[in-house]
Amino acid sequence: MVLLSPITSIEELETRISAYGVLPLGLGEREGFSLYALSGEGIRWHTGEEKTDPWEWRKRIAAKGEFLYGKLCQKSAAFVSKEWYPVLMNYRRQGYDFDAAYEDGLISRKEKKIMDLFFEKDVLLPAHEVKRLAGFQKGGEKGFDTVITSLQMKGYLVIRGLIPKKNRKGEPYGWPVSVYSTPEALLGEDFMEEAYREDPKDSLLRFVSHLTHMTGMSKEDALFLLK
């Protein structure tokens, strides 16, 4: 078991993600298990300091690609290890690849419009480009944030970086925007092959068992986090 001791560096954060398999950035409903809740002495959120600001750590981790990042737990941001992401997404996908899920009505028309942009290998697109290309601009499709979150929760998109928005003069402004890709672009086309051999319910229960063992959290809390 890895105790839920304070996290004080990005290196320690990466060690914990590897150990737990998953770690939310911050979940109010389960305050004891998140990077926010485990932030140790000297950690300062939203300061822009690379060594002490977890808000900056998430950018580095997403860009490096050693872990999966996105809205992966309860529609909120979380990190998932490469080892456990296929297990979690086998449960979330319920054994379906994207085309089969769409044919069976498990993927909406709006979700497909976005995913059609990513079927070329290794495509990376920032949020504003996804909106434009998929027709979610003013006067077009509605509900972009809901749709893009749903695709992450279902295991079809992840965040591969965060970049600043720029004005017409090329000057950065405001909050950074997410850059999206498929998990296949990061992990390889066959990353789900082994995971699909397991019953999705068994995948969930195996991850729950691992999480409760490694953190001491209850089964109910682990199920809440992963469903």
C-alpha atoms as a PDB file:
ATOM      1  CA  MET A   1       0.000   0.000   0.000  1.00  0.00           C
ATOM      2  CA  VAL A   2       1.197   3.512  -0.838  1.00  0.00           C
ATOM      3  CA  LEU A   3       0.218   5.894   1.919  1.00  0.00           C
ATOM      4  CA  LEU A   4      -1.561   9.105   0.979  1.00  0.00           C
ATOM      5  CA  SER A   5       1.315  11.292   2.120  1.00  0.00           C
ATOM      6  CA  PRO A   6       1.759  14.833   0.764  1.00  0.00           C
ATOM      7  CA  ILE A   7       3.002  15.385  -2.783  1.00  0.00           C
ATOM      8  CA  THR A   8       5.670  18.085  -3.011  1.00  0.00           C
ATOM      9  CA  SER A   9       7.145  17.779  -6.521  1.00  0.00           C
ATOM     10  CA  ILE A  10       6.268  16.777 -10.060  1.00  0.00           C
ATOM     11  CA  GLU A  11       8.551  13.750  -9.689  1.00  0.00           C
ATOM     12  CA  GLU A  12       6.578  12.590  -6.658  1.00  0.00           C
ATOM     13  CA  LEU A  13       3.339  13.195  -8.563  1.00  0.00           C
ATOM     14  CA  GLU A  14       4.511  10.943 -11.392  1.00  0.00           C
ATOM     15  CA  THR A  15       5.500   8.249  -8.891  1.00  0.00           C
ATOM     16  CA  ARG A  16       2.021   8.359  -7.339  1.00  0.00           C
ATOM     17  CA  ILE A  17       0.221   8.184 -10.680  1.00  0.00           C
ATOM     18  CA  SER A  18       2.262   5.091 -11.527  1.00  0.00           C
ATOM     19  CA  ALA A  19       1.474   3.532  -8.150  1.00  0.00           C
ATOM     20  CA  TYR A  20      -2.226   4.359  -7.934  1.00  0.00           C
ATOM     21  CA  GLY A  21      -3.008   4.044 -11.645  1.00  0.00           C
ATOM     22  CA  VAL A  22      -5.164   7.156 -11.454  1.00  0.00           C
ATOM     23  CA  LEU A  23      -5.116  10.476  -9.627  1.00  0.00           C
ATOM     24  CA  PRO A  24      -7.655  13.270 -10.104  1.00  0.00           C
ATOM     25  CA  LEU A  25      -6.452  16.841 -10.263  1.00  0.00           C
ATOM     26  CA  GLY A  26      -9.185  17.779  -7.794  1.00  0.00           C
ATOM     27  CA  LEU A  27     -12.592  16.287  -6.958  1.00  0.00           C
ATOM     28  CA  GLY A  28     -14.721  18.080  -4.400  1.00  0.00           C
ATOM     29  CA  GLU A  29     -16.960  15.086  -3.815  1.00  0.00           C
ATOM     30  CA  ARG A  30     -14.049  12.933  -2.652  1.00  0.00           C
ATOM     31  CA  GLU A  31     -11.649  15.472  -1.199  1.00  0.00           C
ATOM     32  CA  GLY A  32      -9.217  12.950   0.286  1.00  0.00           C
ATOM     33  CA  PHE A  33      -7.932  11.576  -3.021  1.00  0.00           C
ATOM     34  CA  SER A  34      -6.738  14.178  -5.520  1.00  0.00           C
ATOM     35  CA  LEU A  35      -3.607  16.130  -6.298  1.00  0.00           C
ATOM     36  CA  TYR A  36      -5.247  19.165  -4.738  1.00  0.00           C
ATOM     37  CA  ALA A  37      -5.991  17.323  -1.496  1.00  0.00           C
ATOM     38  CA  LEU A  38      -2.519  15.768  -1.342  1.00  0.00           C
ATOM     39  CA  SER A  39      -0.570  18.959  -2.109  1.00  0.00           C
ATOM     40  CA  GLY A  40       2.187  19.269   0.497  1.00  0.00           C
ATOM     41  CA  GLU A  41       4.040  22.111   2.097  1.00  0.00           C
ATOM     42  CA  GLY A  42       5.507  24.584  -0.368  1.00  0.00           C
ATOM     43  CA  ILE A  43       2.978  23.834  -3.112  1.00  0.00           C
ATOM     44  CA  ARG A  44       1.356  26.978  -4.513  1.00  0.00           C
ATOM     45  CA  TRP A  45      -1.468  26.644  -7.032  1.00  0.00           C
ATOM     46  CA  HIS A  46      -1.965  29.111  -9.913  1.00  0.00           C
ATOM     47  CA  THR A  47       1.279  31.012  -9.400  1.00  0.00           C
ATOM     48  CA  GLY A  48       2.910  30.028 -12.682  1.00  0.00           C
ATOM     49  CA  GLU A  49       5.995  28.696 -10.882  1.00  0.00           C
ATOM     50  CA  GLU A  50       7.078  25.486 -12.601  1.00  0.00           C
ATOM     51  CA  LYS A  51       8.617  23.868  -9.525  1.00  0.00           C
ATOM     52  CA  THR A  52       5.781  24.491  -7.076  1.00  0.00           C
ATOM     53  CA  ASP A  53       2.563  24.975  -9.068  1.00  0.00           C
ATOM     54  CA  PRO A  54       0.618  21.777  -9.906  1.00  0.00           C
ATOM     55  CA  TRP A  55      -1.317  23.768 -12.481  1.00  0.00           C
ATOM     56  CA  GLU A  56       1.968  23.986 -14.393  1.00  0.00           C
ATOM     57  CA  TRP A  57       2.818  20.333 -13.726  1.00  0.00           C
ATOM     58  CA  ARG A  58      -0.273  19.179 -15.594  1.00  0.00           C
ATOM     59  CA  LYS A  59       0.943  20.999 -18.722  1.00  0.00           C
ATOM     60  CA  ARG A  60       4.309  19.287 -18.567  1.00  0.00           C
ATOM     61  CA  ILE A  61       2.841  15.852 -17.917  1.00  0.00           C
ATOM     62  CA  ALA A  62       0.259  16.169 -20.689  1.00  0.00           C
ATOM     63  CA  ALA A  63       2.909  17.293 -23.180  1.00  0.00           C
ATOM     64  CA  LYS A  64       5.454  14.618 -22.201  1.00  0.00           C
ATOM     65  CA  GLY A  65       3.030  11.773 -22.866  1.00  0.00           C
ATOM     66  CA  GLU A  66       4.247   9.420 -20.158  1.00  0.00           C
ATOM     67  CA  PHE A  67       0.750   9.451 -18.628  1.00  0.00           C
ATOM     68  CA  LEU A  68      -2.749  10.016 -19.968  1.00  0.00           C
ATOM     69  CA  TYR A  69      -4.422  13.277 -18.976  1.00  0.00           C
ATOM     70  CA  GLY A  70      -7.878  14.702 -19.535  1.00  0.00           C
ATOM     71  CA  LYS A  71     -11.365  14.761 -18.103  1.00  0.00           C
ATOM     72  CA  LEU A  72     -11.169  11.105 -17.173  1.00  0.00           C
ATOM     73  CA  CYS A  73     -12.836  10.895 -13.741  1.00  0.00           C
ATOM     74  CA  GLN A  74     -16.329  12.132 -12.980  1.00  0.00           C
ATOM     75  CA  LYS A  75     -16.053  14.520 -15.964  1.00  0.00           C
ATOM     76  CA  SER A  76     -13.118  16.225 -14.259  1.00  0.00           C
ATOM     77  CA  ALA A  77      -9.386  16.354 -14.956  1.00  0.00           C
ATOM     78  CA  ALA A  78      -7.305  13.352 -13.916  1.00  0.00           C
ATOM     79  CA  PHE A  79      -4.059  11.550 -14.673  1.00  0.00           C
ATOM     80  CA  VAL A  80      -4.068   7.842 -15.574  1.00  0.00           C
ATOM     81  CA  SER A  81      -1.022   5.611 -16.034  1.00  0.00           C
ATOM     82  CA  LYS A  82      -0.326   3.848 -19.325  1.00  0.00           C
ATOM     83  CA  GLU A  83      -0.662   0.522 -17.510  1.00  0.00           C
ATOM     84  CA  TRP A  84      -4.169   1.162 -16.225  1.00  0.00           C
ATOM     85  CA  TYR A  85      -5.659   3.387 -18.931  1.00  0.00           C
ATOM     86  CA  PRO A  86      -6.560   0.439 -21.240  1.00  0.00           C
ATOM     87  CA  VAL A  87      -8.150  -1.356 -18.287  1.00  0.00           C
ATOM     88  CA  LEU A  88     -10.270   1.655 -17.395  1.00  0.00           C
ATOM     89  CA  MET A  89     -11.222   2.345 -20.983  1.00  0.00           C
ATOM     90  CA  ASN A  90     -12.186  -1.260 -21.655  1.00  0.00           C
ATOM     91  CA  TYR A  91     -14.815  -0.727 -18.987  1.00  0.00           C
ATOM     92  CA  ARG A  92     -15.793   2.707 -20.316  1.00  0.00           C
ATOM     93  CA  ARG A  93     -15.957   1.558 -23.945  1.00  0.00           C
ATOM     94  CA  GLN A  94     -17.799  -1.632 -22.952  1.00  0.00           C
ATOM     95  CA  GLY A  95     -15.773  -3.592 -25.471  1.00  0.00           C
ATOM     96  CA  TYR A  96     -16.657  -1.329 -28.425  1.00  0.00           C
ATOM     97  CA  ASP A  97     -14.351   0.398 -30.853  1.00  0.00           C
ATOM     98  CA  PHE A  98     -15.584   3.787 -32.063  1.00  0.00           C
ATOM     99  CA  ASP A  99     -17.269   2.674 -35.295  1.00  0.00           C
ATOM    100  CA  ALA A 100     -19.170  -0.140 -33.593  1.00  0.00           C
ATOM    101  CA  ALA A 101     -20.233   2.176 -30.774  1.00  0.00           C
ATOM    102  CA  TYR A 102     -21.565   4.686 -33.292  1.00  0.00           C
ATOM    103  CA  GLU A 103     -23.449   2.023 -35.243  1.00  0.00           C
ATOM    104  CA  ASP A 104     -25.115   0.855 -32.026  1.00  0.00           C
ATOM    105  CA  GLY A 105     -26.146   4.373 -31.037  1.00  0.00           C
ATOM    106  CA  LEU A 106     -23.640   4.753 -28.191  1.00  0.00           C
ATOM    107  CA  ILE A 107     -21.944   7.709 -29.900  1.00  0.00           C
ATOM    108  CA  SER A 108     -23.865  10.850 -30.809  1.00  0.00           C
ATOM    109  CA  ARG A 109     -23.783  12.660 -34.137  1.00  0.00           C
ATOM    110  CA  LYS A 110     -21.939  15.585 -32.535  1.00  0.00           C
ATOM    111  CA  GLU A 111     -19.351  13.251 -31.033  1.00  0.00           C
ATOM    112  CA  LYS A 112     -18.779  11.661 -34.436  1.00  0.00           C
ATOM    113  CA  LYS A 113     -18.316  15.073 -36.083  1.00  0.00           C
ATOM    114  CA  ILE A 114     -15.457  15.757 -33.693  1.00  0.00           C
ATOM    115  CA  MET A 115     -13.919  12.289 -33.906  1.00  0.00           C
ATOM    116  CA  ASP A 116     -13.918  12.409 -37.722  1.00  0.00           C
ATOM    117  CA  LEU A 117     -11.182  15.054 -37.363  1.00  0.00           C
ATOM    118  CA  PHE A 118      -8.901  12.639 -35.533  1.00  0.00           C
ATOM    119  CA  PHE A 119      -8.992   9.577 -37.742  1.00  0.00           C
ATOM    120  CA  GLU A 120      -5.800  10.628 -39.511  1.00  0.00           C
ATOM    121  CA  LYS A 121      -2.831   9.152 -37.638  1.00  0.00           C
ATOM    122  CA  ASP A 122      -1.227  11.261 -34.885  1.00  0.00           C
ATOM    123  CA  VAL A 123      -3.482  14.291 -35.325  1.00  0.00           C
ATOM    124  CA  LEU A 124      -3.092  16.954 -32.611  1.00  0.00           C
ATOM    125  CA  LEU A 125      -5.699  19.727 -32.519  1.00  0.00           C
ATOM    126  CA  PRO A 126      -6.235  22.591 -30.069  1.00  0.00           C
ATOM    127  CA  ALA A 127      -9.753  23.146 -28.763  1.00  0.00           C
ATOM    128  CA  HIS A 128     -10.461  26.235 -30.867  1.00  0.00           C
ATOM    129  CA  GLU A 129      -9.500  24.366 -34.052  1.00  0.00           C
ATOM    130  CA  VAL A 130     -11.694  21.415 -33.101  1.00  0.00           C
ATOM    131  CA  LYS A 131     -14.599  23.829 -32.603  1.00  0.00           C
ATOM    132  CA  ARG A 132     -14.025  25.481 -35.965  1.00  0.00           C
ATOM    133  CA  LEU A 133     -13.495  22.330 -38.009  1.00  0.00           C
ATOM    134  CA  ALA A 134     -16.382  20.417 -36.412  1.00  0.00           C
ATOM    135  CA  GLY A 135     -18.816  23.309 -36.824  1.00  0.00           C
ATOM    136  CA  PHE A 136     -19.202  24.392 -33.213  1.00  0.00           C
ATOM    137  CA  GLN A 137     -18.626  28.065 -33.913  1.00  0.00           C
ATOM    138  CA  LYS A 138     -21.257  30.794 -33.526  1.00  0.00           C
ATOM    139  CA  GLY A 139     -24.445  29.804 -35.315  1.00  0.00           C
ATOM    140  CA  GLY A 140     -23.372  26.162 -35.579  1.00  0.00           C
ATOM    141  CA  GLU A 141     -23.476  23.145 -33.291  1.00  0.00           C
ATOM    142  CA  LYS A 142     -24.043  23.699 -29.570  1.00  0.00           C
ATOM    143  CA  GLY A 143     -22.620  22.103 -26.444  1.00  0.00           C
ATOM    144  CA  PHE A 144     -18.951  21.724 -27.395  1.00  0.00           C
ATOM    145  CA  ASP A 145     -17.674  21.434 -23.818  1.00  0.00           C
ATOM    146  CA  THR A 146     -20.191  18.708 -22.998  1.00  0.00           C
ATOM    147  CA  VAL A 147     -19.363  16.731 -26.141  1.00  0.00           C
ATOM    148  CA  ILE A 148     -15.573  16.972 -25.791  1.00  0.00           C
ATOM    149  CA  THR A 149     -15.819  15.909 -22.137  1.00  0.00           C
ATOM    150  CA  SER A 150     -18.001  12.940 -23.074  1.00  0.00           C
ATOM    151  CA  LEU A 151     -15.429  11.752 -25.630  1.00  0.00           C
ATOM    152  CA  GLN A 152     -12.694  11.860 -22.996  1.00  0.00           C
ATOM    153  CA  MET A 153     -14.811   9.981 -20.468  1.00  0.00           C
ATOM    154  CA  LYS A 154     -15.646   7.328 -23.074  1.00  0.00           C
ATOM    155  CA  GLY A 155     -11.962   6.806 -23.856  1.00  0.00           C
ATOM    156  CA  TYR A 156     -11.717   8.286 -27.344  1.00  0.00           C
ATOM    157  CA  LEU A 157      -9.810  11.542 -26.681  1.00  0.00           C
ATOM    158  CA  VAL A 158      -7.115  12.722 -24.269  1.00  0.00           C
ATOM    159  CA  ILE A 159      -5.390  16.050 -23.656  1.00  0.00           C
ATOM    160  CA  ARG A 160      -1.853  16.078 -25.061  1.00  0.00           C
ATOM    161  CA  GLY A 161      -0.875  19.592 -24.041  1.00  0.00           C
ATOM    162  CA  LEU A 162      -2.053  23.061 -23.111  1.00  0.00           C
ATOM    163  CA  ILE A 163      -1.044  26.053 -25.203  1.00  0.00           C
ATOM    164  CA  PRO A 164      -1.704  29.802 -24.859  1.00  0.00           C
ATOM    165  CA  LYS A 165      -4.277  31.523 -27.010  1.00  0.00           C
ATOM    166  CA  LYS A 166      -2.858  34.324 -29.167  1.00  0.00           C
ATOM    167  CA  ASN A 167      -4.377  37.568 -30.405  1.00  0.00           C
ATOM    168  CA  ARG A 168      -3.990  38.958 -33.931  1.00  0.00           C
ATOM    169  CA  LYS A 169      -0.582  40.340 -33.017  1.00  0.00           C
ATOM    170  CA  GLY A 170       0.605  36.882 -31.962  1.00  0.00           C
ATOM    171  CA  GLU A 171       0.613  37.811 -28.280  1.00  0.00           C
ATOM    172  CA  PRO A 172      -0.506  35.211 -25.713  1.00  0.00           C
ATOM    173  CA  TYR A 173      -3.530  35.981 -23.548  1.00  0.00           C
ATOM    174  CA  GLY A 174      -5.967  34.344 -21.143  1.00  0.00           C
ATOM    175  CA  TRP A 175      -6.074  30.742 -19.981  1.00  0.00           C
ATOM    176  CA  PRO A 176      -4.286  28.102 -22.095  1.00  0.00           C
ATOM    177  CA  VAL A 177      -6.375  25.879 -24.335  1.00  0.00           C
ATOM    178  CA  SER A 178      -6.261  22.096 -24.436  1.00  0.00           C
ATOM    179  CA  VAL A 179      -4.675  20.207 -27.335  1.00  0.00           C
ATOM    180  CA  TYR A 180      -6.428  16.913 -28.074  1.00  0.00           C
ATOM    181  CA  SER A 181      -5.490  13.608 -29.655  1.00  0.00           C
ATOM    182  CA  THR A 182      -6.719  10.040 -29.573  1.00  0.00           C
ATOM    183  CA  PRO A 183      -5.142   7.681 -27.032  1.00  0.00           C
ATOM    184  CA  GLU A 184      -4.202   5.523 -30.027  1.00  0.00           C
ATOM    185  CA  ALA A 185      -1.899   8.316 -31.225  1.00  0.00           C
ATOM    186  CA  LEU A 186      -0.063   8.132 -27.901  1.00  0.00           C
ATOM    187  CA  LEU A 187      -0.193   4.434 -27.071  1.00  0.00           C
ATOM    188  CA  GLY A 188      -0.330   2.864 -30.527  1.00  0.00           C
ATOM    189  CA  GLU A 189      -3.139   1.448 -32.610  1.00  0.00           C
ATOM    190  CA  ASP A 190      -3.179  -1.902 -30.791  1.00  0.00           C
ATOM    191  CA  PHE A 191      -3.152  -0.522 -27.239  1.00  0.00           C
ATOM    192  CA  MET A 192      -6.652  -1.854 -26.478  1.00  0.00           C
ATOM    193  CA  GLU A 193      -6.195  -5.292 -28.029  1.00  0.00           C
ATOM    194  CA  GLU A 194      -5.222  -7.054 -24.816  1.00  0.00           C
ATOM    195  CA  ALA A 195      -7.723  -5.087 -22.723  1.00  0.00           C
ATOM    196  CA  TYR A 196     -10.625  -6.090 -24.987  1.00  0.00           C
ATOM    197  CA  ARG A 197     -10.031  -9.739 -24.069  1.00  0.00           C
ATOM    198  CA  GLU A 198     -11.293  -9.033 -20.555  1.00  0.00           C
ATOM    199  CA  ASP A 199     -14.964  -8.587 -19.662  1.00  0.00           C
ATOM    200  CA  PRO A 200     -15.520  -4.838 -19.079  1.00  0.00           C
ATOM    201  CA  LYS A 201     -17.039  -5.492 -15.656  1.00  0.00           C
ATOM    202  CA  ASP A 202     -13.972  -7.492 -14.660  1.00  0.00           C
ATOM    203  CA  SER A 203     -11.758  -4.625 -15.803  1.00  0.00           C
ATOM    204  CA  LEU A 204     -13.614  -2.248 -13.509  1.00  0.00           C
ATOM    205  CA  LEU A 205     -13.449  -4.609 -10.547  1.00  0.00           C
ATOM    206  CA  ARG A 206      -9.726  -5.258 -11.094  1.00  0.00           C
ATOM    207  CA  PHE A 207      -8.983  -1.535 -11.107  1.00  0.00           C
ATOM    208  CA  VAL A 208     -11.154  -1.011  -8.033  1.00  0.00           C
ATOM    209  CA  SER A 209      -9.290  -3.775  -6.216  1.00  0.00           C
ATOM    210  CA  HIS A 210      -5.938  -2.231  -7.122  1.00  0.00           C
ATOM    211  CA  LEU A 211      -7.003   1.255  -6.072  1.00  0.00           C
ATOM    212  CA  THR A 212      -8.406   0.186  -2.715  1.00  0.00           C
ATOM    213  CA  HIS A 213      -5.274  -1.828  -1.985  1.00  0.00           C
ATOM    214  CA  MET A 214      -2.875   0.965  -2.931  1.00  0.00           C
ATOM    215  CA  THR A 215      -4.714   3.844  -1.239  1.00  0.00           C
ATOM    216  CA  GLY A 216      -6.887   2.363   1.493  1.00  0.00           C
ATOM    217  CA  MET A 217      -9.984   4.044   0.074  1.00  0.00           C
ATOM    218  CA  SER A 218     -13.330   2.283   0.263  1.00  0.00           C
ATOM    219  CA  LYS A 219     -14.719   0.226  -2.586  1.00  0.00           C
ATOM    220  CA  GLU A 220     -17.593   2.701  -2.884  1.00  0.00           C
ATOM    221  CA  ASP A 221     -15.211   5.649  -3.306  1.00  0.00           C
ATOM    222  CA  ALA A 222     -13.137   3.749  -5.866  1.00  0.00           C
ATOM    223  CA  LEU A 223     -16.254   2.856  -7.875  1.00  0.00           C
ATOM    224  CA  PHE A 224     -17.380   6.482  -7.734  1.00  0.00           C
ATOM    225  CA  LEU A 225     -14.036   7.613  -9.093  1.00  0.00           C
ATOM    226  CA  LEU A 226     -13.785   5.126 -11.959  1.00  0.00           C
ATOM    227  CA  LYS A 227     -17.349   4.901 -13.237  1.00  0.00           C
END
